[in-house]
Amino acid sequence: MELLQLEYFLKLAEKEPVTSVAEELNISQPALSSTIKKLEKELGVPLFERHGRNISLSPYGKVFRDYVEQALIAIENGKT
């Protein structure tokens, strides 16, 4: 699991659609989707539910988001 994956996940969990988030992060939509899929594979659960072109957080994603938020805050606090 990489820090960048967690940052991308959190950004996508906060704002949709994928293309808008990818543009904001200055990466391609396929790169963002690939990063999220790798994270899901590592965790063994779907973090997002896909509905055609739309996505929403899965129940696993909602729980994971809370932990990721706390982890990123702790990392930021550690930096300061």
PDB file of N, CA and C in Angstrom:
ATOM      1  N   MET A   1       0.850  -1.163   0.000  1.00  0.00           N
ATOM      2  CA  MET A   1       0.000   0.000   0.000  1.00  0.00           C
ATOM      3  C   MET A   1       0.897   1.228   0.000  1.00  0.00           C
ATOM      4  N   GLU A   2       0.591   2.147  -0.873  1.00  0.00           N
ATOM      5  CA  GLU A   2       1.400   3.350  -1.016  1.00  0.00           C
ATOM      6  C   GLU A   2       0.610   4.579  -0.573  1.00  0.00           C
ATOM      7  N   LEU A   3       1.343   5.560  -0.098  1.00  0.00           N
ATOM      8  CA  LEU A   3       0.721   6.806   0.349  1.00  0.00           C
ATOM      9  C   LEU A   3      -0.070   7.455  -0.783  1.00  0.00           C
ATOM     10  N   LEU A   4       0.485   7.418  -1.978  1.00  0.00           N
ATOM     11  CA  LEU A   4      -0.194   8.017  -3.126  1.00  0.00           C
ATOM     12  C   LEU A   4      -1.546   7.344  -3.381  1.00  0.00           C
ATOM     13  N   GLN A   5      -1.605   6.036  -3.222  1.00  0.00           N
ATOM     14  CA  GLN A   5      -2.870   5.320  -3.399  1.00  0.00           C
ATOM     15  C   GLN A   5      -3.907   5.820  -2.395  1.00  0.00           C
ATOM     16  N   LEU A   6      -3.471   6.017  -1.166  1.00  0.00           N
ATOM     17  CA  LEU A   6      -4.386   6.485  -0.120  1.00  0.00           C
ATOM     18  C   LEU A   6      -4.875   7.909  -0.404  1.00  0.00           C
ATOM     19  N   GLU A   7      -3.963   8.748  -0.858  1.00  0.00           N
ATOM     20  CA  GLU A   7      -4.352  10.122  -1.196  1.00  0.00           C
ATOM     21  C   GLU A   7      -5.340  10.140  -2.355  1.00  0.00           C
ATOM     22  N   TYR A   8      -5.089   9.333  -3.374  1.00  0.00           N
ATOM     23  CA  TYR A   8      -6.005   9.249  -4.514  1.00  0.00           C
ATOM     24  C   TYR A   8      -7.358   8.704  -4.073  1.00  0.00           C
ATOM     25  N   PHE A   9      -7.336   7.665  -3.247  1.00  0.00           N
ATOM     26  CA  PHE A   9      -8.590   7.091  -2.757  1.00  0.00           C
ATOM     27  C   PHE A   9      -9.414   8.146  -2.027  1.00  0.00           C
ATOM     28  N   LEU A  10      -8.772   8.868  -1.121  1.00  0.00           N
ATOM     29  CA  LEU A  10      -9.496   9.856  -0.330  1.00  0.00           C
ATOM     30  C   LEU A  10     -10.050  10.965  -1.209  1.00  0.00           C
ATOM     31  N   LYS A  11      -9.272  11.409  -2.170  1.00  0.00           N
ATOM     32  CA  LYS A  11      -9.737  12.465  -3.075  1.00  0.00           C
ATOM     33  C   LYS A  11     -10.949  11.981  -3.867  1.00  0.00           C
ATOM     34  N   LEU A  12     -10.905  10.750  -4.337  1.00  0.00           N
ATOM     35  CA  LEU A  12     -12.012  10.187  -5.106  1.00  0.00           C
ATOM     36  C   LEU A  12     -13.231   9.953  -4.218  1.00  0.00           C
ATOM     37  N   ALA A  13     -13.003   9.581  -2.970  1.00  0.00           N
ATOM     38  CA  ALA A  13     -14.117   9.367  -2.038  1.00  0.00           C
ATOM     39  C   ALA A  13     -14.829  10.682  -1.727  1.00  0.00           C
ATOM     40  N   GLU A  14     -14.083  11.788  -1.752  1.00  0.00           N
ATOM     41  CA  GLU A  14     -14.652  13.098  -1.447  1.00  0.00           C
ATOM     42  C   GLU A  14     -15.369  13.716  -2.630  1.00  0.00           C
ATOM     43  N   LYS A  15     -14.887  13.405  -3.822  1.00  0.00           N
ATOM     44  CA  LYS A  15     -15.393  14.092  -5.012  1.00  0.00           C
ATOM     45  C   LYS A  15     -15.470  13.116  -6.175  1.00  0.00           C
ATOM     46  N   GLU A  16     -16.542  13.169  -6.876  1.00  0.00           N
ATOM     47  CA  GLU A  16     -16.708  12.346  -8.070  1.00  0.00           C
ATOM     48  C   GLU A  16     -17.111  13.272  -9.201  1.00  0.00           C
ATOM     49  N   PRO A  17     -17.049  12.943 -10.410  1.00  0.00           N
ATOM     50  CA  PRO A  17     -16.683  11.665 -11.019  1.00  0.00           C
ATOM     51  C   PRO A  17     -15.177  11.491 -11.166  1.00  0.00           C
ATOM     52  N   VAL A  18     -14.800  10.305 -11.612  1.00  0.00           N
ATOM     53  CA  VAL A  18     -13.397   9.931 -11.722  1.00  0.00           C
ATOM     54  C   VAL A  18     -12.639  10.909 -12.623  1.00  0.00           C
ATOM     55  N   THR A  19     -13.239  11.281 -13.736  1.00  0.00           N
ATOM     56  CA  THR A  19     -12.534  12.166 -14.670  1.00  0.00           C
ATOM     57  C   THR A  19     -12.224  13.519 -14.038  1.00  0.00           C
ATOM     58  N   SER A  20     -13.127  14.052 -13.246  1.00  0.00           N
ATOM     59  CA  SER A  20     -12.887  15.338 -12.577  1.00  0.00           C
ATOM     60  C   SER A  20     -11.756  15.226 -11.563  1.00  0.00           C
ATOM     61  N   VAL A  21     -11.738  14.139 -10.814  1.00  0.00           N
ATOM     62  CA  VAL A  21     -10.690  13.932  -9.819  1.00  0.00           C
ATOM     63  C   VAL A  21      -9.345  13.747 -10.515  1.00  0.00           C
ATOM     64  N   ALA A  22      -9.338  12.988 -11.602  1.00  0.00           N
ATOM     65  CA  ALA A  22      -8.094  12.766 -12.343  1.00  0.00           C
ATOM     66  C   ALA A  22      -7.543  14.099 -12.860  1.00  0.00           C
ATOM     67  N   GLU A  23      -8.410  14.938 -13.391  1.00  0.00           N
ATOM     68  CA  GLU A  23      -7.979  16.251 -13.870  1.00  0.00           C
ATOM     69  C   GLU A  23      -7.405  17.081 -12.735  1.00  0.00           C
ATOM     70  N   GLU A  24      -8.057  17.062 -11.591  1.00  0.00           N
ATOM     71  CA  GLU A  24      -7.592  17.815 -10.428  1.00  0.00           C
ATOM     72  C   GLU A  24      -6.221  17.322  -9.961  1.00  0.00           C
ATOM     73  N   LEU A  25      -5.994  16.015 -10.067  1.00  0.00           N
ATOM     74  CA  LEU A  25      -4.721  15.422  -9.652  1.00  0.00           C
ATOM     75  C   LEU A  25      -3.661  15.475 -10.752  1.00  0.00           C
ATOM     76  N   ASN A  26      -4.059  15.955 -11.924  1.00  0.00           N
ATOM     77  CA  ASN A  26      -3.162  16.033 -13.082  1.00  0.00           C
ATOM     78  C   ASN A  26      -2.637  14.672 -13.521  1.00  0.00           C
ATOM     79  N   ILE A  27      -3.535  13.685 -13.500  1.00  0.00           N
ATOM     80  CA  ILE A  27      -3.212  12.354 -14.012  1.00  0.00           C
ATOM     81  C   ILE A  27      -4.335  11.930 -14.940  1.00  0.00           C
ATOM     82  N   SER A  28      -4.111  10.877 -15.707  1.00  0.00           N
ATOM     83  CA  SER A  28      -5.164  10.397 -16.600  1.00  0.00           C
ATOM     84  C   SER A  28      -6.207   9.610 -15.811  1.00  0.00           C
ATOM     85  N   GLN A  29      -7.394   9.531 -16.368  1.00  0.00           N
ATOM     86  CA  GLN A  29      -8.460   8.765 -15.734  1.00  0.00           C
ATOM     87  C   GLN A  29      -8.098   7.288 -15.641  1.00  0.00           C
ATOM     88  N   PRO A  30      -7.505   6.689 -16.691  1.00  0.00           N
ATOM     89  CA  PRO A  30      -7.104   5.283 -16.565  1.00  0.00           C
ATOM     90  C   PRO A  30      -6.046   5.062 -15.475  1.00  0.00           C
ATOM     91  N   ALA A  31      -5.140   6.025 -15.291  1.00  0.00           N
ATOM     92  CA  ALA A  31      -4.122   5.895 -14.248  1.00  0.00           C
ATOM     93  C   ALA A  31      -4.765   5.919 -12.863  1.00  0.00           C
ATOM     94  N   LEU A  32      -5.736   6.795 -12.671  1.00  0.00           N
ATOM     95  CA  LEU A  32      -6.446   6.864 -11.393  1.00  0.00           C
ATOM     96  C   LEU A  32      -7.219   5.573 -11.149  1.00  0.00           C
ATOM     97  N   SER A  33      -7.945   5.126 -12.143  1.00  0.00           N
ATOM     98  CA  SER A  33      -8.715   3.886 -12.003  1.00  0.00           C
ATOM     99  C   SER A  33      -7.807   2.699 -11.700  1.00  0.00           C
ATOM    100  N   SER A  34      -6.671   2.635 -12.369  1.00  0.00           N
ATOM    101  CA  SER A  34      -5.716   1.548 -12.146  1.00  0.00           C
ATOM    102  C   SER A  34      -5.172   1.574 -10.720  1.00  0.00           C
ATOM    103  N   THR A  35      -4.858   2.761 -10.227  1.00  0.00           N
ATOM    104  CA  THR A  35      -4.342   2.900  -8.867  1.00  0.00           C
ATOM    105  C   THR A  35      -5.364   2.411  -7.849  1.00  0.00           C
ATOM    106  N   ILE A  36      -6.622   2.781  -8.056  1.00  0.00           N
ATOM    107  CA  ILE A  36      -7.694   2.368  -7.137  1.00  0.00           C
ATOM    108  C   ILE A  36      -7.904   0.858  -7.218  1.00  0.00           C
ATOM    109  N   LYS A  37      -7.889   0.306  -8.415  1.00  0.00           N
ATOM    110  CA  LYS A  37      -8.071  -1.140  -8.569  1.00  0.00           C
ATOM    111  C   LYS A  37      -6.943  -1.921  -7.888  1.00  0.00           C
ATOM    112  N   LYS A  38      -5.717  -1.416  -7.964  1.00  0.00           N
ATOM    113  CA  LYS A  38      -4.597  -2.072  -7.287  1.00  0.00           C
ATOM    114  C   LYS A  38      -4.795  -2.049  -5.771  1.00  0.00           C
ATOM    115  N   LEU A  39      -5.267  -0.930  -5.263  1.00  0.00           N
ATOM    116  CA  LEU A  39      -5.534  -0.815  -3.830  1.00  0.00           C
ATOM    117  C   LEU A  39      -6.631  -1.789  -3.417  1.00  0.00           C
ATOM    118  N   GLU A  40      -7.695  -1.864  -4.214  1.00  0.00           N
ATOM    119  CA  GLU A  40      -8.783  -2.797  -3.922  1.00  0.00           C
ATOM    120  C   GLU A  40      -8.285  -4.243  -3.947  1.00  0.00           C
ATOM    121  N   LYS A  41      -7.425  -4.550  -4.898  1.00  0.00           N
ATOM    122  CA  LYS A  41      -6.888  -5.910  -4.992  1.00  0.00           C
ATOM    123  C   LYS A  41      -6.053  -6.235  -3.761  1.00  0.00           C
ATOM    124  N   GLU A  42      -5.245  -5.292  -3.328  1.00  0.00           N
ATOM    125  CA  GLU A  42      -4.410  -5.511  -2.144  1.00  0.00           C
ATOM    126  C   GLU A  42      -5.263  -5.721  -0.896  1.00  0.00           C
ATOM    127  N   LEU A  43      -6.345  -4.939  -0.777  1.00  0.00           N
ATOM    128  CA  LEU A  43      -7.222  -5.051   0.391  1.00  0.00           C
ATOM    129  C   LEU A  43      -8.170  -6.243   0.297  1.00  0.00           C
ATOM    130  N   GLY A  44      -8.443  -6.678  -0.931  1.00  0.00           N
ATOM    131  CA  GLY A  44      -9.326  -7.822  -1.137  1.00  0.00           C
ATOM    132  C   GLY A  44     -10.805  -7.487  -1.049  1.00  0.00           C
ATOM    133  N   VAL A  45     -11.119  -6.200  -1.146  1.00  0.00           N
ATOM    134  CA  VAL A  45     -12.524  -5.772  -1.103  1.00  0.00           C
ATOM    135  C   VAL A  45     -12.721  -4.610  -2.082  1.00  0.00           C
ATOM    136  N   PRO A  46     -13.952  -4.463  -2.591  1.00  0.00           N
ATOM    137  CA  PRO A  46     -14.231  -3.306  -3.446  1.00  0.00           C
ATOM    138  C   PRO A  46     -14.440  -2.054  -2.589  1.00  0.00           C
ATOM    139  N   LEU A  47     -13.724  -1.002  -2.901  1.00  0.00           N
ATOM    140  CA  LEU A  47     -13.884   0.253  -2.167  1.00  0.00           C
ATOM    141  C   LEU A  47     -14.964   1.131  -2.783  1.00  0.00           C
ATOM    142  N   PHE A  48     -15.243   0.889  -4.054  1.00  0.00           N
ATOM    143  CA  PHE A  48     -16.272   1.644  -4.762  1.00  0.00           C
ATOM    144  C   PHE A  48     -17.221   0.691  -5.453  1.00  0.00           C
ATOM    145  N   GLU A  49     -18.464   1.101  -5.555  1.00  0.00           N
ATOM    146  CA  GLU A  49     -19.452   0.372  -6.345  1.00  0.00           C
ATOM    147  C   GLU A  49     -19.566   1.103  -7.665  1.00  0.00           C
ATOM    148  N   ARG A  50     -19.469   0.358  -8.729  1.00  0.00           N
ATOM    149  CA  ARG A  50     -19.503   0.952 -10.059  1.00  0.00           C
ATOM    150  C   ARG A  50     -20.876   0.767 -10.668  1.00  0.00           C
ATOM    151  N   HIS A  51     -21.406   1.874 -11.186  1.00  0.00           N
ATOM    152  CA  HIS A  51     -22.729   1.880 -11.827  1.00  0.00           C
ATOM    153  C   HIS A  51     -22.553   2.544 -13.188  1.00  0.00           C
ATOM    154  N   GLY A  52     -22.132   1.750 -14.162  1.00  0.00           N
ATOM    155  CA  GLY A  52     -21.830   2.336 -15.473  1.00  0.00           C
ATOM    156  C   GLY A  52     -20.641   3.262 -15.341  1.00  0.00           C
ATOM    157  N   ARG A  53     -20.849   4.535 -15.661  1.00  0.00           N
ATOM    158  CA  ARG A  53     -19.764   5.519 -15.549  1.00  0.00           C
ATOM    159  C   ARG A  53     -19.703   6.159 -14.169  1.00  0.00           C
ATOM    160  N   ASN A  54     -20.682   5.893 -13.357  1.00  0.00           N
ATOM    161  CA  ASN A  54     -20.735   6.488 -12.021  1.00  0.00           C
ATOM    162  C   ASN A  54     -20.194   5.512 -10.981  1.00  0.00           C
ATOM    163  N   ILE A  55     -19.661   6.082  -9.903  1.00  0.00           N
ATOM    164  CA  ILE A  55     -19.186   5.260  -8.797  1.00  0.00           C
ATOM    165  C   ILE A  55     -19.677   5.859  -7.486  1.00  0.00           C
ATOM    166  N   SER A  56     -19.713   5.034  -6.475  1.00  0.00           N
ATOM    167  CA  SER A  56     -20.023   5.498  -5.122  1.00  0.00           C
ATOM    168  C   SER A  56     -19.243   4.603  -4.155  1.00  0.00           C
ATOM    169  N   LEU A  57     -19.002   5.121  -2.976  1.00  0.00           N
ATOM    170  CA  LEU A  57     -18.279   4.332  -1.985  1.00  0.00           C
ATOM    171  C   LEU A  57     -19.068   3.092  -1.604  1.00  0.00           C
ATOM    172  N   SER A  58     -18.392   1.981  -1.522  1.00  0.00           N
ATOM    173  CA  SER A  58     -19.011   0.755  -1.032  1.00  0.00           C
ATOM    174  C   SER A  58     -19.022   0.820   0.493  1.00  0.00           C
ATOM    175  N   PRO A  59     -19.722  -0.077   1.152  1.00  0.00           N
ATOM    176  CA  PRO A  59     -19.652  -0.111   2.616  1.00  0.00           C
ATOM    177  C   PRO A  59     -18.211  -0.262   3.118  1.00  0.00           C
ATOM    178  N   TYR A  60     -17.398  -1.071   2.429  1.00  0.00           N
ATOM    179  CA  TYR A  60     -15.993  -1.209   2.801  1.00  0.00           C
ATOM    180  C   TYR A  60     -15.255   0.114   2.624  1.00  0.00           C
ATOM    181  N   GLY A  61     -15.558   0.801   1.536  1.00  0.00           N
ATOM    182  CA  GLY A  61     -14.924   2.081   1.262  1.00  0.00           C
ATOM    183  C   GLY A  61     -15.243   3.126   2.315  1.00  0.00           C
ATOM    184  N   LYS A  62     -16.476   3.100   2.812  1.00  0.00           N
ATOM    185  CA  LYS A  62     -16.873   4.059   3.845  1.00  0.00           C
ATOM    186  C   LYS A  62     -16.084   3.845   5.136  1.00  0.00           C
ATOM    187  N   VAL A  63     -15.884   2.595   5.512  1.00  0.00           N
ATOM    188  CA  VAL A  63     -15.113   2.282   6.715  1.00  0.00           C
ATOM    189  C   VAL A  63     -13.643   2.627   6.483  1.00  0.00           C
ATOM    190  N   PHE A  64     -13.126   2.234   5.330  1.00  0.00           N
ATOM    191  CA  PHE A  64     -11.717   2.469   5.016  1.00  0.00           C
ATOM    192  C   PHE A  64     -11.411   3.963   4.958  1.00  0.00           C
ATOM    193  N   ARG A  65     -12.346   4.748   4.438  1.00  0.00           N
ATOM    194  CA  ARG A  65     -12.147   6.205   4.344  1.00  0.00           C
ATOM    195  C   ARG A  65     -11.835   6.809   5.711  1.00  0.00           C
ATOM    196  N   ASP A  66     -12.529   6.375   6.743  1.00  0.00           N
ATOM    197  CA  ASP A  66     -12.287   6.915   8.083  1.00  0.00           C
ATOM    198  C   ASP A  66     -10.849   6.646   8.536  1.00  0.00           C
ATOM    199  N   TYR A  67     -10.366   5.438   8.279  1.00  0.00           N
ATOM    200  CA  TYR A  67      -9.001   5.090   8.662  1.00  0.00           C
ATOM    201  C   TYR A  67      -7.965   5.865   7.839  1.00  0.00           C
ATOM    202  N   VAL A  68      -8.249   6.024   6.562  1.00  0.00           N
ATOM    203  CA  VAL A  68      -7.319   6.750   5.699  1.00  0.00           C
ATOM    204  C   VAL A  68      -7.244   8.212   6.124  1.00  0.00           C
ATOM    205  N   GLU A  69      -8.391   8.810   6.430  1.00  0.00           N
ATOM    206  CA  GLU A  69      -8.392  10.202   6.896  1.00  0.00           C
ATOM    207  C   GLU A  69      -7.526  10.349   8.145  1.00  0.00           C
ATOM    208  N   GLN A  70      -7.701   9.447   9.105  1.00  0.00           N
ATOM    209  CA  GLN A  70      -6.920   9.495  10.347  1.00  0.00           C
ATOM    210  C   GLN A  70      -5.432   9.292  10.071  1.00  0.00           C
ATOM    211  N   ALA A  71      -5.109   8.371   9.185  1.00  0.00           N
ATOM    212  CA  ALA A  71      -3.706   8.080   8.871  1.00  0.00           C
ATOM    213  C   ALA A  71      -3.042   9.284   8.207  1.00  0.00           C
ATOM    214  N   LEU A  72      -3.735   9.913   7.264  1.00  0.00           N
ATOM    215  CA  LEU A  72      -3.147  11.059   6.578  1.00  0.00           C
ATOM    216  C   LEU A  72      -3.001  12.256   7.508  1.00  0.00           C
ATOM    217  N   ILE A  73      -3.923  12.412   8.429  1.00  0.00           N
ATOM    218  CA  ILE A  73      -3.797  13.478   9.431  1.00  0.00           C
ATOM    219  C   ILE A  73      -2.592  13.205  10.324  1.00  0.00           C
ATOM    220  N   ALA A  74      -2.430  11.952  10.738  1.00  0.00           N
ATOM    221  CA  ALA A  74      -1.286  11.600  11.594  1.00  0.00           C
ATOM    222  C   ALA A  74       0.033  11.833  10.851  1.00  0.00           C
ATOM    223  N   ILE A  75       0.078  11.504   9.588  1.00  0.00           N
ATOM    224  CA  ILE A  75       1.297  11.720   8.799  1.00  0.00           C
ATOM    225  C   ILE A  75       1.579  13.218   8.687  1.00  0.00           C
ATOM    226  N   GLU A  76       0.549  13.990   8.419  1.00  0.00           N
ATOM    227  CA  GLU A  76       0.723  15.446   8.308  1.00  0.00           C
ATOM    228  C   GLU A  76       1.193  16.039   9.643  1.00  0.00           C
ATOM    229  N   ASN A  77       0.622  15.575  10.736  1.00  0.00           N
ATOM    230  CA  ASN A  77       1.053  16.035  12.054  1.00  0.00           C
ATOM    231  C   ASN A  77       2.510  15.655  12.327  1.00  0.00           C
ATOM    232  N   GLY A  78       2.892  14.482  11.875  1.00  0.00           N
ATOM    233  CA  GLY A  78       4.266  14.038  12.045  1.00  0.00           C
ATOM    234  C   GLY A  78       5.246  14.909  11.268  1.00  0.00           C
ATOM    235  N   LYS A  79       4.813  15.390  10.128  1.00  0.00           N
ATOM    236  CA  LYS A  79       5.664  16.271   9.322  1.00  0.00           C
ATOM    237  C   LYS A  79       5.938  17.583  10.052  1.00  0.00           C
ATOM    238  N   THR A  80       4.912  18.094  10.734  1.00  0.00           N
ATOM    239  CA  THR A  80       5.069  19.382  11.413  1.00  0.00           C
ATOM    240  C   THR A  80       5.768  19.195  12.741  1.00  0.00           C
TER     241      THR A  80
END
